[in-house]
Amino acid sequence: MCNWNTYTFDCGCMSMDLRSRCQRKLADDELDPCFWMQRVSDKWRFHQQRMCDACNYRLMHGEWSEIGARAHEIARLMARARQLG
């Protein structure tokens, strides 16, 4: 099974990065995407304690609409609640 690192941000966004490939993926590099089992372990979840680059850019350049800003705030609060809970 392929293993993944998961990165969460204060803004509520998440990104994933391939940690290690399964044996089938190693044997057949043309196998993309891998349709076999995928795994994300709790010990491979890393909180970055900052906003993601895309949200930080939007915030710095004033590209948030009123609805977008409110949605972002709700997502940020929900992400913070998951960390504390």
PDB file of N, CA and C in Angstrom:
ATOM      1  N   MET A   1       0.829  -1.174   0.000  1.00  0.00           N
ATOM      2  CA  MET A   1       0.000   0.000   0.000  1.00  0.00           C
ATOM      3  C   MET A   1       0.878   1.243   0.000  1.00  0.00           C
ATOM      4  N   CYS A   2       0.433   2.261  -0.679  1.00  0.00           N
ATOM      5  CA  CYS A   2       1.153   3.529  -0.710  1.00  0.00           C
ATOM      6  C   CYS A   2       0.873   4.283   0.593  1.00  0.00           C
ATOM      7  N   ASN A   3       1.885   4.935   1.126  1.00  0.00           N
ATOM      8  CA  ASN A   3       1.768   5.690   2.372  1.00  0.00           C
ATOM      9  C   ASN A   3       1.916   7.179   2.094  1.00  0.00           C
ATOM     10  N   TRP A   4       1.131   7.989   2.797  1.00  0.00           N
ATOM     11  CA  TRP A   4       1.081   9.429   2.542  1.00  0.00           C
ATOM     12  C   TRP A   4       1.323  10.235   3.806  1.00  0.00           C
ATOM     13  N   ASN A   5       2.041  11.350   3.671  1.00  0.00           N
ATOM     14  CA  ASN A   5       2.130  12.370   4.714  1.00  0.00           C
ATOM     15  C   ASN A   5       0.990  13.350   4.474  1.00  0.00           C
ATOM     16  N   THR A   6       0.383  13.840   5.546  1.00  0.00           N
ATOM     17  CA  THR A   6      -0.687  14.819   5.445  1.00  0.00           C
ATOM     18  C   THR A   6      -0.284  16.065   6.217  1.00  0.00           C
ATOM     19  N   TYR A   7      -0.430  17.217   5.577  1.00  0.00           N
ATOM     20  CA  TYR A   7      -0.081  18.496   6.190  1.00  0.00           C
ATOM     21  C   TYR A   7      -1.339  19.343   6.309  1.00  0.00           C
ATOM     22  N   THR A   8      -1.664  19.768   7.533  1.00  0.00           N
ATOM     23  CA  THR A   8      -2.820  20.638   7.753  1.00  0.00           C
ATOM     24  C   THR A   8      -2.329  22.034   8.108  1.00  0.00           C
ATOM     25  N   PHE A   9      -3.161  23.022   7.805  1.00  0.00           N
ATOM     26  CA  PHE A   9      -2.797  24.420   8.018  1.00  0.00           C
ATOM     27  C   PHE A   9      -3.848  25.108   8.874  1.00  0.00           C
ATOM     28  N   ASP A  10      -3.507  26.232   9.467  1.00  0.00           N
ATOM     29  CA  ASP A  10      -4.431  26.996  10.308  1.00  0.00           C
ATOM     30  C   ASP A  10      -5.649  27.481   9.540  1.00  0.00           C
ATOM     31  N   CYS A  11      -5.530  27.628   8.230  1.00  0.00           N
ATOM     32  CA  CYS A  11      -6.641  28.131   7.418  1.00  0.00           C
ATOM     33  C   CYS A  11      -7.665  27.045   7.106  1.00  0.00           C
ATOM     34  N   GLY A  12      -7.390  25.797   7.477  1.00  0.00           N
ATOM     35  CA  GLY A  12      -8.316  24.701   7.214  1.00  0.00           C
ATOM     36  C   GLY A  12      -7.947  23.910   5.969  1.00  0.00           C
ATOM     37  N   CYS A  13      -6.960  24.365   5.224  1.00  0.00           N
ATOM     38  CA  CYS A  13      -6.524  23.644   4.022  1.00  0.00           C
ATOM     39  C   CYS A  13      -5.657  22.451   4.420  1.00  0.00           C
ATOM     40  N   MET A  14      -5.491  21.540   3.474  1.00  0.00           N
ATOM     41  CA  MET A  14      -4.693  20.347   3.705  1.00  0.00           C
ATOM     42  C   MET A  14      -3.952  19.995   2.422  1.00  0.00           C
ATOM     43  N   SER A  15      -2.752  19.470   2.541  1.00  0.00           N
ATOM     44  CA  SER A  15      -2.037  18.950   1.377  1.00  0.00           C
ATOM     45  C   SER A  15      -1.470  17.580   1.736  1.00  0.00           C
ATOM     46  N   MET A  16      -1.218  16.793   0.709  1.00  0.00           N
ATOM     47  CA  MET A  16      -0.690  15.447   0.912  1.00  0.00           C
ATOM     48  C   MET A  16       0.562  15.265   0.072  1.00  0.00           C
ATOM     49  N   ASP A  17       1.445  14.402   0.560  1.00  0.00           N
ATOM     50  CA  ASP A  17       2.710  14.138  -0.096  1.00  0.00           C
ATOM     51  C   ASP A  17       2.989  12.642   0.019  1.00  0.00           C
ATOM     52  N   LEU A  18       3.398  12.010  -1.076  1.00  0.00           N
ATOM     53  CA  LEU A  18       3.667  10.573  -1.061  1.00  0.00           C
ATOM     54  C   LEU A  18       4.870  10.264  -0.176  1.00  0.00           C
ATOM     55  N   ARG A  19       4.668   9.446   0.833  1.00  0.00           N
ATOM     56  CA  ARG A  19       5.720   9.078   1.777  1.00  0.00           C
ATOM     57  C   ARG A  19       6.528   7.890   1.238  1.00  0.00           C
ATOM     58  N   SER A  20       5.824   6.849   0.811  1.00  0.00           N
ATOM     59  CA  SER A  20       6.486   5.679   0.235  1.00  0.00           C
ATOM     60  C   SER A  20       5.515   4.963  -0.688  1.00  0.00           C
ATOM     61  N   ARG A  21       6.059   4.354  -1.724  1.00  0.00           N
ATOM     62  CA  ARG A  21       5.239   3.653  -2.724  1.00  0.00           C
ATOM     63  C   ARG A  21       5.041   2.205  -2.347  1.00  0.00           C
ATOM     64  N   CYS A  22       3.921   1.641  -2.786  1.00  0.00           N
ATOM     65  CA  CYS A  22       3.677   0.218  -2.561  1.00  0.00           C
ATOM     66  C   CYS A  22       4.546  -0.595  -3.525  1.00  0.00           C
ATOM     67  N   GLN A  23       4.615  -1.888  -3.299  1.00  0.00           N
ATOM     68  CA  GLN A  23       5.453  -2.753  -4.125  1.00  0.00           C
ATOM     69  C   GLN A  23       4.986  -2.773  -5.578  1.00  0.00           C
ATOM     70  N   ARG A  24       3.677  -2.735  -5.807  1.00  0.00           N
ATOM     71  CA  ARG A  24       3.169  -2.730  -7.185  1.00  0.00           C
ATOM     72  C   ARG A  24       3.558  -1.451  -7.900  1.00  0.00           C
ATOM     73  N   LYS A  25       3.501  -0.336  -7.205  1.00  0.00           N
ATOM     74  CA  LYS A  25       3.870   0.954  -7.797  1.00  0.00           C
ATOM     75  C   LYS A  25       5.379   0.983  -8.083  1.00  0.00           C
ATOM     76  N   LEU A  26       6.171   0.406  -7.203  1.00  0.00           N
ATOM     77  CA  LEU A  26       7.618   0.352  -7.427  1.00  0.00           C
ATOM     78  C   LEU A  26       7.955  -0.520  -8.637  1.00  0.00           C
ATOM     79  N   ALA A  27       7.205  -1.617  -8.798  1.00  0.00           N
ATOM     80  CA  ALA A  27       7.472  -2.542  -9.897  1.00  0.00           C
ATOM     81  C   ALA A  27       7.001  -1.993 -11.243  1.00  0.00           C
ATOM     82  N   ASP A  28       5.945  -1.190 -11.235  1.00  0.00           N
ATOM     83  CA  ASP A  28       5.378  -0.664 -12.480  1.00  0.00           C
ATOM     84  C   ASP A  28       5.244   0.853 -12.359  1.00  0.00           C
ATOM     85  N   ASP A  29       6.244   1.577 -12.788  1.00  0.00           N
ATOM     86  CA  ASP A  29       6.255   3.024 -12.641  1.00  0.00           C
ATOM     87  C   ASP A  29       5.184   3.695 -13.500  1.00  0.00           C
ATOM     88  N   GLU A  30       4.622   2.963 -14.477  1.00  0.00           N
ATOM     89  CA  GLU A  30       3.559   3.501 -15.323  1.00  0.00           C
ATOM     90  C   GLU A  30       2.211   3.510 -14.592  1.00  0.00           C
ATOM     91  N   LEU A  31       2.144   2.822 -13.467  1.00  0.00           N
ATOM     92  CA  LEU A  31       0.915   2.727 -12.693  1.00  0.00           C
ATOM     93  C   LEU A  31       0.671   4.062 -11.986  1.00  0.00           C
ATOM     94  N   ASP A  32      -0.075   4.927 -12.632  1.00  0.00           N
ATOM     95  CA  ASP A  32      -0.295   6.258 -12.067  1.00  0.00           C
ATOM     96  C   ASP A  32      -1.689   6.729 -12.412  1.00  0.00           C
ATOM     97  N   PRO A  33      -2.596   6.955 -11.530  1.00  0.00           N
ATOM     98  CA  PRO A  33      -2.381   6.803 -10.091  1.00  0.00           C
ATOM     99  C   PRO A  33      -2.465   5.347  -9.656  1.00  0.00           C
ATOM    100  N   CYS A  34      -1.979   5.080  -8.482  1.00  0.00           N
ATOM    101  CA  CYS A  34      -2.026   3.734  -7.919  1.00  0.00           C
ATOM    102  C   CYS A  34      -3.452   3.460  -7.456  1.00  0.00           C
ATOM    103  N   PHE A  35      -4.043   2.370  -7.921  1.00  0.00           N
ATOM    104  CA  PHE A  35      -5.417   2.035  -7.556  1.00  0.00           C
ATOM    105  C   PHE A  35      -5.489   1.051  -6.398  1.00  0.00           C
ATOM    106  N   TRP A  36      -4.355   0.746  -5.796  1.00  0.00           N
ATOM    107  CA  TRP A  36      -4.349  -0.181  -4.670  1.00  0.00           C
ATOM    108  C   TRP A  36      -4.563   0.604  -3.385  1.00  0.00           C
ATOM    109  N   MET A  37      -4.476  -0.068  -2.265  1.00  0.00           N
ATOM    110  CA  MET A  37      -4.792   0.555  -0.980  1.00  0.00           C
ATOM    111  C   MET A  37      -3.840   1.721  -0.672  1.00  0.00           C
ATOM    112  N   GLN A  38      -4.406   2.777  -0.112  1.00  0.00           N
ATOM    113  CA  GLN A  38      -3.663   3.965   0.300  1.00  0.00           C
ATOM    114  C   GLN A  38      -3.765   4.071   1.825  1.00  0.00           C
ATOM    115  N   ARG A  39      -2.727   4.599   2.465  1.00  0.00           N
ATOM    116  CA  ARG A  39      -2.757   4.682   3.924  1.00  0.00           C
ATOM    117  C   ARG A  39      -2.213   6.028   4.395  1.00  0.00           C
ATOM    118  N   VAL A  40      -2.938   6.628   5.351  1.00  0.00           N
ATOM    119  CA  VAL A  40      -2.475   7.826   6.050  1.00  0.00           C
ATOM    120  C   VAL A  40      -2.560   7.505   7.536  1.00  0.00           C
ATOM    121  N   SER A  41      -1.437   7.400   8.173  1.00  0.00           N
ATOM    122  CA  SER A  41      -1.396   7.090   9.592  1.00  0.00           C
ATOM    123  C   SER A  41      -1.436   8.386  10.409  1.00  0.00           C
ATOM    124  N   ASP A  42      -1.967   8.307  11.624  1.00  0.00           N
ATOM    125  CA  ASP A  42      -2.003   9.494  12.492  1.00  0.00           C
ATOM    126  C   ASP A  42      -0.609  10.061  12.737  1.00  0.00           C
ATOM    127  N   LYS A  43       0.403   9.196  12.805  1.00  0.00           N
ATOM    128  CA  LYS A  43       1.755   9.698  13.072  1.00  0.00           C
ATOM    129  C   LYS A  43       2.361  10.397  11.851  1.00  0.00           C
ATOM    130  N   TRP A  44       1.693  10.327  10.707  1.00  0.00           N
ATOM    131  CA  TRP A  44       2.177  11.015   9.505  1.00  0.00           C
ATOM    132  C   TRP A  44       1.375  12.271   9.214  1.00  0.00           C
ATOM    133  N   ARG A  45       0.603  12.739  10.198  1.00  0.00           N
ATOM    134  CA  ARG A  45      -0.160  13.980  10.052  1.00  0.00           C
ATOM    135  C   ARG A  45       0.613  15.086  10.748  1.00  0.00           C
ATOM    136  N   PHE A  46       0.897  16.133  10.006  1.00  0.00           N
ATOM    137  CA  PHE A  46       1.724  17.220  10.527  1.00  0.00           C
ATOM    138  C   PHE A  46       0.981  18.544  10.390  1.00  0.00           C
ATOM    139  N   HIS A  47       0.782  19.238  11.520  1.00  0.00           N
ATOM    140  CA  HIS A  47       0.144  20.555  11.456  1.00  0.00           C
ATOM    141  C   HIS A  47       1.248  21.604  11.287  1.00  0.00           C
ATOM    142  N   GLN A  48       1.061  22.503  10.344  1.00  0.00           N
ATOM    143  CA  GLN A  48       2.091  23.472   9.990  1.00  0.00           C
ATOM    144  C   GLN A  48       2.066  24.756  10.822  1.00  0.00           C
ATOM    145  N   GLN A  49       1.015  24.977  11.598  1.00  0.00           N
ATOM    146  CA  GLN A  49       0.867  26.150  12.459  1.00  0.00           C
ATOM    147  C   GLN A  49       1.054  27.464  11.706  1.00  0.00           C
ATOM    148  N   ARG A  50       0.516  27.492  10.512  1.00  0.00           N
ATOM    149  CA  ARG A  50       0.514  28.700   9.683  1.00  0.00           C
ATOM    150  C   ARG A  50      -0.562  28.522   8.617  1.00  0.00           C
ATOM    151  N   MET A  51      -0.861  29.597   7.896  1.00  0.00           N
ATOM    152  CA  MET A  51      -1.792  29.507   6.773  1.00  0.00           C
ATOM    153  C   MET A  51      -1.051  28.936   5.568  1.00  0.00           C
ATOM    154  N   CYS A  52      -1.780  28.277   4.668  1.00  0.00           N
ATOM    155  CA  CYS A  52      -1.154  27.759   3.450  1.00  0.00           C
ATOM    156  C   CYS A  52      -0.753  28.937   2.554  1.00  0.00           C
ATOM    157  N   ASP A  53       0.109  28.677   1.592  1.00  0.00           N
ATOM    158  CA  ASP A  53       0.614  29.733   0.715  1.00  0.00           C
ATOM    159  C   ASP A  53      -0.498  30.405  -0.087  1.00  0.00           C
ATOM    160  N   ALA A  54      -1.463  29.623  -0.582  1.00  0.00           N
ATOM    161  CA  ALA A  54      -2.541  30.190  -1.402  1.00  0.00           C
ATOM    162  C   ALA A  54      -3.423  31.121  -0.576  1.00  0.00           C
ATOM    163  N   CYS A  55      -3.808  30.708   0.633  1.00  0.00           N
ATOM    164  CA  CYS A  55      -4.651  31.557   1.483  1.00  0.00           C
ATOM    165  C   CYS A  55      -3.878  32.778   1.963  1.00  0.00           C
ATOM    166  N   ASN A  56      -2.614  32.593   2.268  1.00  0.00           N
ATOM    167  CA  ASN A  56      -1.786  33.721   2.698  1.00  0.00           C
ATOM    168  C   ASN A  56      -1.669  34.754   1.573  1.00  0.00           C
ATOM    169  N   TYR A  57      -1.502  34.301   0.334  1.00  0.00           N
ATOM    170  CA  TYR A  57      -1.425  35.204  -0.813  1.00  0.00           C
ATOM    171  C   TYR A  57      -2.737  35.986  -0.982  1.00  0.00           C
ATOM    172  N   ARG A  58      -3.858  35.273  -0.899  1.00  0.00           N
ATOM    173  CA  ARG A  58      -5.159  35.933  -1.033  1.00  0.00           C
ATOM    174  C   ARG A  58      -5.370  36.984   0.050  1.00  0.00           C
ATOM    175  N   LEU A  59      -4.972  36.640   1.272  1.00  0.00           N
ATOM    176  CA  LEU A  59      -5.134  37.556   2.391  1.00  0.00           C
ATOM    177  C   LEU A  59      -4.258  38.801   2.214  1.00  0.00           C
ATOM    178  N   MET A  60      -3.022  38.612   1.784  1.00  0.00           N
ATOM    179  CA  MET A  60      -2.081  39.730   1.624  1.00  0.00           C
ATOM    180  C   MET A  60      -2.458  40.641   0.460  1.00  0.00           C
ATOM    181  N   HIS A  61      -3.068  40.083  -0.577  1.00  0.00           N
ATOM    182  CA  HIS A  61      -3.394  40.861  -1.769  1.00  0.00           C
ATOM    183  C   HIS A  61      -4.860  41.275  -1.833  1.00  0.00           C
ATOM    184  N   GLY A  62      -5.595  41.070  -0.754  1.00  0.00           N
ATOM    185  CA  GLY A  62      -6.985  41.507  -0.685  1.00  0.00           C
ATOM    186  C   GLY A  62      -7.900  40.856  -1.705  1.00  0.00           C
ATOM    187  N   GLU A  63      -7.665  39.587  -2.010  1.00  0.00           N
ATOM    188  CA  GLU A  63      -8.466  38.899  -3.012  1.00  0.00           C
ATOM    189  C   GLU A  63      -9.611  38.099  -2.397  1.00  0.00           C
ATOM    190  N   TRP A  64      -9.971  38.400  -1.164  1.00  0.00           N
ATOM    191  CA  TRP A  64     -11.080  37.705  -0.524  1.00  0.00           C
ATOM    192  C   TRP A  64     -12.362  38.486  -0.775  1.00  0.00           C
ATOM    193  N   SER A  65     -13.373  37.829  -1.276  1.00  0.00           N
ATOM    194  CA  SER A  65     -14.693  38.451  -1.320  1.00  0.00           C
ATOM    195  C   SER A  65     -15.262  38.362   0.098  1.00  0.00           C
ATOM    196  N   GLU A  66     -16.366  39.027   0.354  1.00  0.00           N
ATOM    197  CA  GLU A  66     -16.950  38.974   1.698  1.00  0.00           C
ATOM    198  C   GLU A  66     -17.352  37.545   2.057  1.00  0.00           C
ATOM    199  N   ILE A  67     -17.959  36.835   1.113  1.00  0.00           N
ATOM    200  CA  ILE A  67     -18.372  35.447   1.354  1.00  0.00           C
ATOM    201  C   ILE A  67     -17.139  34.558   1.514  1.00  0.00           C
ATOM    202  N   GLY A  68     -16.135  34.765   0.664  1.00  0.00           N
ATOM    203  CA  GLY A  68     -14.905  33.975   0.757  1.00  0.00           C
ATOM    204  C   GLY A  68     -14.193  34.189   2.077  1.00  0.00           C
ATOM    205  N   ALA A  69     -14.163  35.425   2.556  1.00  0.00           N
ATOM    206  CA  ALA A  69     -13.512  35.727   3.821  1.00  0.00           C
ATOM    207  C   ALA A  69     -14.237  35.047   4.982  1.00  0.00           C
ATOM    208  N   ARG A  70     -15.560  35.061   4.935  1.00  0.00           N
ATOM    209  CA  ARG A  70     -16.341  34.418   5.998  1.00  0.00           C
ATOM    210  C   ARG A  70     -16.167  32.902   5.963  1.00  0.00           C
ATOM    211  N   ALA A  71     -16.189  32.317   4.779  1.00  0.00           N
ATOM    212  CA  ALA A  71     -15.987  30.868   4.639  1.00  0.00           C
ATOM    213  C   ALA A  71     -14.602  30.472   5.134  1.00  0.00           C
ATOM    214  N   HIS A  72     -13.615  31.288   4.827  1.00  0.00           N
ATOM    215  CA  HIS A  72     -12.258  31.024   5.280  1.00  0.00           C
ATOM    216  C   HIS A  72     -12.179  31.067   6.804  1.00  0.00           C
ATOM    217  N   GLU A  73     -12.824  32.041   7.400  1.00  0.00           N
ATOM    218  CA  GLU A  73     -12.822  32.168   8.860  1.00  0.00           C
ATOM    219  C   GLU A  73     -13.474  30.959   9.517  1.00  0.00           C
ATOM    220  N   ILE A  74     -14.585  30.487   8.975  1.00  0.00           N
ATOM    221  CA  ILE A  74     -15.263  29.305   9.520  1.00  0.00           C
ATOM    222  C   ILE A  74     -14.372  28.069   9.392  1.00  0.00           C
ATOM    223  N   ALA A  75     -13.728  27.895   8.240  1.00  0.00           N
ATOM    224  CA  ALA A  75     -12.831  26.752   8.035  1.00  0.00           C
ATOM    225  C   ALA A  75     -11.654  26.802   9.004  1.00  0.00           C
ATOM    226  N   ARG A  76     -11.131  28.003   9.244  1.00  0.00           N
ATOM    227  CA  ARG A  76     -10.007  28.167  10.166  1.00  0.00           C
ATOM    228  C   ARG A  76     -10.426  27.798  11.589  1.00  0.00           C
ATOM    229  N   LEU A  77     -11.617  28.241  12.010  1.00  0.00           N
ATOM    230  CA  LEU A  77     -12.099  27.923  13.342  1.00  0.00           C
ATOM    231  C   LEU A  77     -12.368  26.423  13.496  1.00  0.00           C
ATOM    232  N   MET A  78     -12.898  25.793  12.466  1.00  0.00           N
ATOM    233  CA  MET A  78     -13.150  24.355  12.524  1.00  0.00           C
ATOM    234  C   MET A  78     -11.832  23.576  12.607  1.00  0.00           C
ATOM    235  N   ALA A  79     -10.826  24.004  11.867  1.00  0.00           N
ATOM    236  CA  ALA A  79      -9.522  23.347  11.906  1.00  0.00           C
ATOM    237  C   ALA A  79      -8.911  23.487  13.293  1.00  0.00           C
ATOM    238  N   ARG A  80      -9.026  24.656  13.888  1.00  0.00           N
ATOM    239  CA  ARG A  80      -8.495  24.885  15.236  1.00  0.00           C
ATOM    240  C   ARG A  80      -9.228  24.006  16.268  1.00  0.00           C
ATOM    241  N   ALA A  81     -10.546  23.867  16.124  1.00  0.00           N
ATOM    242  CA  ALA A  81     -11.326  23.040  17.044  1.00  0.00           C
ATOM    243  C   ALA A  81     -10.918  21.577  16.941  1.00  0.00           C
ATOM    244  N   ARG A  82     -10.615  21.101  15.734  1.00  0.00           N
ATOM    245  CA  ARG A  82     -10.162  19.707  15.560  1.00  0.00           C
ATOM    246  C   ARG A  82      -8.823  19.499  16.245  1.00  0.00           C
ATOM    247  N   GLN A  83      -7.960  20.492  16.237  1.00  0.00           N
ATOM    248  CA  GLN A  83      -6.644  20.357  16.884  1.00  0.00           C
ATOM    249  C   GLN A  83      -6.796  20.268  18.392  1.00  0.00           C
ATOM    250  N   LEU A  84      -7.663  21.095  18.953  1.00  0.00           N
ATOM    251  CA  LEU A  84      -7.818  21.160  20.396  1.00  0.00           C
ATOM    252  C   LEU A  84      -8.660  20.007  20.936  1.00  0.00           C
ATOM    253  N   GLY A  85      -9.527  19.446  20.065  1.00  0.00           N
ATOM    254  CA  GLY A  85     -10.453  18.389  20.520  1.00  0.00           C
ATOM    255  C   GLY A  85      -9.905  17.084  20.342  1.00  0.00           C
TER     256      GLY A  85
END
